[in-house]
Amino acid sequence: MSVLVPLSIIMGVGGLLAFLWSLRTRQYEDLDGAAARILLDSDEDAAIGRDRQYPPPRGGRR
């Protein structure tokens, strides 16, 4: 029982630090954009240029 209280305090501080880190790295800036991004069709993504962020695979058919 004497281990549970310090362990819970350590876990609480760790959770608080993780939350503060997420605030500092602006994880909550664009909540509406993330919600709308899932609704986009893959054709619309190609038109916007989002498919170009990854390099093409090597050794593919030509």
N, C-alpha and C. Protein backbone atom coordinates (compact mmCIF):
# COMPACT_ATOMS: atom_id res chain seq x y z
N MET A 1 0.81 -1.19 0.00
CA MET A 1 0.00 0.00 0.00
C MET A 1 0.87 1.26 0.00
N SER A 2 2.02 1.19 0.58
CA SER A 2 2.87 2.37 0.63
C SER A 2 3.49 2.67 -0.73
N VAL A 3 3.37 1.76 -1.68
CA VAL A 3 3.92 1.97 -3.02
C VAL A 3 2.90 2.64 -3.92
N LEU A 4 1.61 2.44 -3.65
CA LEU A 4 0.57 2.92 -4.55
C LEU A 4 0.44 4.44 -4.57
N VAL A 5 0.59 5.09 -3.44
CA VAL A 5 0.44 6.55 -3.39
C VAL A 5 1.56 7.25 -4.17
N PRO A 6 2.84 6.93 -3.94
CA PRO A 6 3.88 7.57 -4.75
C PRO A 6 3.77 7.22 -6.24
N LEU A 7 3.37 5.99 -6.52
CA LEU A 7 3.21 5.59 -7.92
C LEU A 7 2.10 6.38 -8.59
N SER A 8 0.99 6.60 -7.90
CA SER A 8 -0.10 7.38 -8.48
C SER A 8 0.30 8.85 -8.65
N ILE A 9 1.09 9.38 -7.73
CA ILE A 9 1.56 10.76 -7.87
C ILE A 9 2.50 10.88 -9.06
N ILE A 10 3.39 9.94 -9.24
CA ILE A 10 4.31 9.94 -10.38
C ILE A 10 3.54 9.83 -11.69
N MET A 11 2.54 8.95 -11.74
CA MET A 11 1.75 8.81 -12.96
C MET A 11 0.93 10.06 -13.24
N GLY A 12 0.41 10.72 -12.20
CA GLY A 12 -0.34 11.96 -12.37
C GLY A 12 0.54 13.08 -12.90
N VAL A 13 1.74 13.20 -12.36
CA VAL A 13 2.68 14.21 -12.85
C VAL A 13 3.09 13.90 -14.28
N GLY A 14 3.28 12.63 -14.60
CA GLY A 14 3.62 12.25 -15.98
C GLY A 14 2.51 12.59 -16.95
N GLY A 15 1.26 12.37 -16.55
CA GLY A 15 0.13 12.74 -17.39
C GLY A 15 0.02 14.25 -17.58
N LEU A 16 0.28 14.99 -16.51
CA LEU A 16 0.25 16.45 -16.60
C LEU A 16 1.35 16.96 -17.53
N LEU A 17 2.54 16.39 -17.41
CA LEU A 17 3.64 16.79 -18.30
C LEU A 17 3.34 16.45 -19.76
N ALA A 18 2.73 15.31 -20.01
CA ALA A 18 2.36 14.94 -21.38
C ALA A 18 1.32 15.91 -21.93
N PHE A 19 0.37 16.31 -21.12
CA PHE A 19 -0.64 17.28 -21.55
C PHE A 19 -0.01 18.64 -21.84
N LEU A 20 0.88 19.10 -20.96
CA LEU A 20 1.55 20.39 -21.20
C LEU A 20 2.43 20.34 -22.44
N TRP A 21 3.07 19.20 -22.69
CA TRP A 21 3.87 19.05 -23.91
C TRP A 21 2.97 19.15 -25.14
N SER A 22 1.80 18.53 -25.09
CA SER A 22 0.90 18.59 -26.25
C SER A 22 0.39 20.00 -26.48
N LEU A 23 0.23 20.78 -25.43
CA LEU A 23 -0.16 22.17 -25.61
C LEU A 23 0.97 22.99 -26.24
N ARG A 24 2.19 22.76 -25.79
CA ARG A 24 3.34 23.52 -26.31
C ARG A 24 3.65 23.20 -27.76
N THR A 25 3.38 21.96 -28.19
CA THR A 25 3.65 21.58 -29.57
C THR A 25 2.43 21.80 -30.46
N ARG A 26 1.43 22.50 -29.95
CA ARG A 26 0.25 22.93 -30.70
C ARG A 26 -0.52 21.76 -31.32
N GLN A 27 -0.73 20.72 -30.54
CA GLN A 27 -1.48 19.57 -31.02
C GLN A 27 -2.97 19.88 -31.15
N TYR A 28 -3.45 20.91 -30.47
CA TYR A 28 -4.88 21.22 -30.47
C TYR A 28 -5.20 22.45 -31.31
N GLU A 29 -4.34 22.85 -32.22
CA GLU A 29 -4.56 24.06 -32.99
C GLU A 29 -5.68 23.93 -34.02
N ASP A 30 -5.68 22.87 -34.82
CA ASP A 30 -6.60 22.76 -35.95
C ASP A 30 -7.51 21.55 -35.76
N LEU A 31 -8.44 21.64 -34.84
CA LEU A 31 -9.33 20.52 -34.58
C LEU A 31 -10.36 20.34 -35.69
N ASP A 32 -10.82 21.44 -36.29
CA ASP A 32 -11.80 21.32 -37.37
C ASP A 32 -11.18 20.78 -38.64
N GLY A 33 -9.93 21.11 -38.90
CA GLY A 33 -9.26 20.61 -40.10
C GLY A 33 -9.06 19.11 -40.03
N ALA A 34 -8.72 18.59 -38.87
CA ALA A 34 -8.55 17.15 -38.73
C ALA A 34 -9.87 16.43 -38.88
N ALA A 35 -10.95 17.02 -38.41
CA ALA A 35 -12.27 16.40 -38.54
C ALA A 35 -12.74 16.42 -39.98
N ALA A 36 -12.43 17.46 -40.73
CA ALA A 36 -12.88 17.56 -42.11
C ALA A 36 -11.98 16.77 -43.06
N ARG A 37 -10.74 16.54 -42.68
CA ARG A 37 -9.80 15.85 -43.55
C ARG A 37 -10.22 14.42 -43.85
N ILE A 38 -10.91 13.79 -42.92
CA ILE A 38 -11.34 12.41 -43.13
C ILE A 38 -12.47 12.34 -44.16
N LEU A 39 -13.17 13.44 -44.38
CA LEU A 39 -14.28 13.46 -45.32
C LEU A 39 -13.83 13.67 -46.75
N LEU A 40 -12.58 14.07 -46.97
CA LEU A 40 -12.10 14.32 -48.32
C LEU A 40 -11.93 13.01 -49.08
N ASP A 41 -12.28 13.06 -50.34
CA ASP A 41 -12.11 11.90 -51.21
C ASP A 41 -10.67 11.85 -51.68
N SER A 42 -10.18 10.68 -52.06
CA SER A 42 -8.79 10.56 -52.49
C SER A 42 -8.55 11.34 -53.78
N ASP A 43 -9.59 11.51 -54.63
CA ASP A 43 -9.43 12.33 -55.84
C ASP A 43 -9.21 13.79 -55.47
N GLU A 44 -9.89 14.23 -54.45
CA GLU A 44 -9.71 15.61 -54.00
C GLU A 44 -8.32 15.79 -53.39
N ASP A 45 -7.83 14.77 -52.69
CA ASP A 45 -6.48 14.84 -52.13
C ASP A 45 -5.44 14.97 -53.23
N ALA A 46 -5.63 14.25 -54.32
CA ALA A 46 -4.68 14.34 -55.43
C ALA A 46 -4.74 15.72 -56.08
N ALA A 47 -5.94 16.28 -56.17
CA ALA A 47 -6.07 17.61 -56.76
C ALA A 47 -5.42 18.66 -55.87
N ILE A 48 -5.48 18.47 -54.56
CA ILE A 48 -4.87 19.42 -53.64
C ILE A 48 -3.35 19.25 -53.63
N GLY A 49 -2.88 18.04 -53.90
CA GLY A 49 -1.46 17.78 -53.91
C GLY A 49 -0.97 17.05 -52.69
N ARG A 50 -1.86 16.46 -51.93
CA ARG A 50 -1.44 15.77 -50.72
C ARG A 50 -0.77 14.45 -51.01
N ASP A 51 -1.05 13.85 -52.16
CA ASP A 51 -0.41 12.58 -52.49
C ASP A 51 1.06 12.75 -52.84
N ARG A 52 1.48 13.96 -53.12
CA ARG A 52 2.86 14.19 -53.52
C ARG A 52 3.82 14.30 -52.35
N GLN A 53 3.35 14.16 -51.14
CA GLN A 53 4.24 14.30 -49.99
C GLN A 53 5.12 13.08 -49.78
N TYR A 54 4.77 11.95 -50.37
CA TYR A 54 5.57 10.75 -50.25
C TYR A 54 6.28 10.48 -51.56
N PRO A 55 7.53 10.04 -51.54
CA PRO A 55 8.23 9.75 -52.80
C PRO A 55 7.62 8.52 -53.48
N PRO A 56 7.68 8.47 -54.82
CA PRO A 56 7.12 7.31 -55.52
C PRO A 56 7.93 6.05 -55.21
N PRO A 57 7.29 4.87 -55.25
CA PRO A 57 8.02 3.64 -54.97
C PRO A 57 9.05 3.35 -56.05
N ARG A 58 10.15 2.74 -55.65
CA ARG A 58 11.21 2.40 -56.61
C ARG A 58 10.93 1.04 -57.23
N GLY A 59 11.38 0.87 -58.45
CA GLY A 59 11.30 -0.43 -59.11
C GLY A 59 9.90 -0.80 -59.56
N GLY A 60 9.01 0.17 -59.66
CA GLY A 60 7.66 -0.12 -60.11
C GLY A 60 7.58 -0.26 -61.61
N ARG A 61 6.42 -0.68 -62.09
CA ARG A 61 6.22 -0.83 -63.54
C ARG A 61 6.14 0.54 -64.18
N ARG A 62 6.59 0.61 -65.44
CA ARG A 62 6.52 1.88 -66.19
C ARG A 62 5.65 1.75 -67.37
